[in-house]
Amino acid sequence: MASKDGKAIQVIVQVHKDKEGWDGLGKVVDTMTEIGEENADGLGFHVTGPAGYGAPRGPARTA
């Protein structure tokens, strides 16, 4: 979804827990953050919602 002024976008991604459950979300969120930051072209990048809040703290979320 793009903002009306075209200066922001929102992307909604479903994240499914695997057999590791909530403990496995850290790897997924770290990977999403790495990909997002590498391709953000100057935009901010944040993982929020259940995955962002429920994933164990890792390097990508404590920077």
C-alpha atoms as a PDB file:
ATOM      1  CA  MET A   1       0.000   0.000   0.000  1.00  0.00           C
ATOM      2  CA  ALA A   2       1.414   3.388  -0.931  1.00  0.00           C
ATOM      3  CA  SER A   3       0.704   6.566   0.988  1.00  0.00           C
ATOM      4  CA  LYS A   4      -1.307   9.315  -0.715  1.00  0.00           C
ATOM      5  CA  ASP A   5       1.800  11.490  -1.051  1.00  0.00           C
ATOM      6  CA  GLY A   6       3.871   8.598  -2.446  1.00  0.00           C
ATOM      7  CA  LYS A   7       6.550   8.946   0.246  1.00  0.00           C
ATOM      8  CA  ALA A   8       5.832   5.715   2.119  1.00  0.00           C
ATOM      9  CA  ILE A   9       4.717   2.171   1.486  1.00  0.00           C
ATOM     10  CA  GLN A  10       3.410  -0.598   3.670  1.00  0.00           C
ATOM     11  CA  VAL A  11       3.875  -4.251   2.816  1.00  0.00           C
ATOM     12  CA  ILE A  12       1.969  -6.903   4.737  1.00  0.00           C
ATOM     13  CA  VAL A  13       3.639 -10.313   4.864  1.00  0.00           C
ATOM     14  CA  GLN A  14       2.270 -13.426   6.548  1.00  0.00           C
ATOM     15  CA  VAL A  15       4.849 -15.258   8.622  1.00  0.00           C
ATOM     16  CA  HIS A  16       4.134 -18.836   9.607  1.00  0.00           C
ATOM     17  CA  LYS A  17       5.862 -20.442  12.559  1.00  0.00           C
ATOM     18  CA  ASP A  18       7.569 -23.728  11.789  1.00  0.00           C
ATOM     19  CA  LYS A  19       8.267 -26.582  14.204  1.00  0.00           C
ATOM     20  CA  GLU A  20      10.467 -24.238  16.278  1.00  0.00           C
ATOM     21  CA  GLY A  21       7.424 -22.077  17.023  1.00  0.00           C
ATOM     22  CA  TRP A  22       8.054 -18.605  18.393  1.00  0.00           C
ATOM     23  CA  ASP A  23      11.736 -19.455  18.972  1.00  0.00           C
ATOM     24  CA  GLY A  24      12.252 -19.868  15.210  1.00  0.00           C
ATOM     25  CA  LEU A  25      10.876 -16.436  14.380  1.00  0.00           C
ATOM     26  CA  GLY A  26      14.167 -14.740  15.217  1.00  0.00           C
ATOM     27  CA  LYS A  27      15.853 -16.249  12.151  1.00  0.00           C
ATOM     28  CA  VAL A  28      12.920 -15.329   9.919  1.00  0.00           C
ATOM     29  CA  VAL A  29      12.759 -11.740  11.170  1.00  0.00           C
ATOM     30  CA  ASP A  30      16.553 -11.362  10.907  1.00  0.00           C
ATOM     31  CA  THR A  31      16.410 -12.533   7.276  1.00  0.00           C
ATOM     32  CA  MET A  32      13.469 -10.260   6.446  1.00  0.00           C
ATOM     33  CA  THR A  33      15.255  -7.307   8.042  1.00  0.00           C
ATOM     34  CA  GLU A  34      18.509  -8.013   6.201  1.00  0.00           C
ATOM     35  CA  ILE A  35      16.731  -8.235   2.839  1.00  0.00           C
ATOM     36  CA  GLY A  36      14.622  -5.175   3.555  1.00  0.00           C
ATOM     37  CA  GLU A  37      17.512  -2.995   4.681  1.00  0.00           C
ATOM     38  CA  GLU A  38      19.677  -4.020   1.715  1.00  0.00           C
ATOM     39  CA  ASN A  39      16.913  -3.080  -0.727  1.00  0.00           C
ATOM     40  CA  ALA A  40      15.293  -0.127   1.044  1.00  0.00           C
ATOM     41  CA  ASP A  41      16.998   2.491  -1.160  1.00  0.00           C
ATOM     42  CA  GLY A  42      17.087   4.997   1.697  1.00  0.00           C
ATOM     43  CA  LEU A  43      13.711   4.113   3.213  1.00  0.00           C
ATOM     44  CA  GLY A  44      13.245   2.965   6.795  1.00  0.00           C
ATOM     45  CA  PHE A  45      12.442  -0.702   7.295  1.00  0.00           C
ATOM     46  CA  HIS A  46      10.648  -2.238  10.272  1.00  0.00           C
ATOM     47  CA  VAL A  47       9.163  -5.636  11.105  1.00  0.00           C
ATOM     48  CA  THR A  48       6.177  -5.170  13.398  1.00  0.00           C
ATOM     49  CA  GLY A  49       3.136  -7.114  14.485  1.00  0.00           C
ATOM     50  CA  PRO A  50       3.256 -10.563  16.059  1.00  0.00           C
ATOM     51  CA  ALA A  51       6.470 -11.605  14.268  1.00  0.00           C
ATOM     52  CA  GLY A  52       8.343  -8.413  15.107  1.00  0.00           C
ATOM     53  CA  TYR A  53       7.197  -8.341  18.707  1.00  0.00           C
ATOM     54  CA  GLY A  54       7.286 -12.087  19.357  1.00  0.00           C
ATOM     55  CA  ALA A  55      10.671 -12.931  17.856  1.00  0.00           C
ATOM     56  CA  PRO A  56      13.553 -13.234  20.313  1.00  0.00           C
ATOM     57  CA  ARG A  57      15.810 -10.217  20.297  1.00  0.00           C
ATOM     58  CA  GLY A  58      18.559 -10.526  17.716  1.00  0.00           C
ATOM     59  CA  PRO A  59      21.133  -8.273  16.072  1.00  0.00           C
ATOM     60  CA  ALA A  60      18.670  -6.886  13.526  1.00  0.00           C
ATOM     61  CA  ARG A  61      16.198  -5.755  16.187  1.00  0.00           C
ATOM     62  CA  THR A  62      18.640  -4.310  18.710  1.00  0.00           C
ATOM     63  CA  ALA A  63      20.631  -2.126  16.327  1.00  0.00           C
END
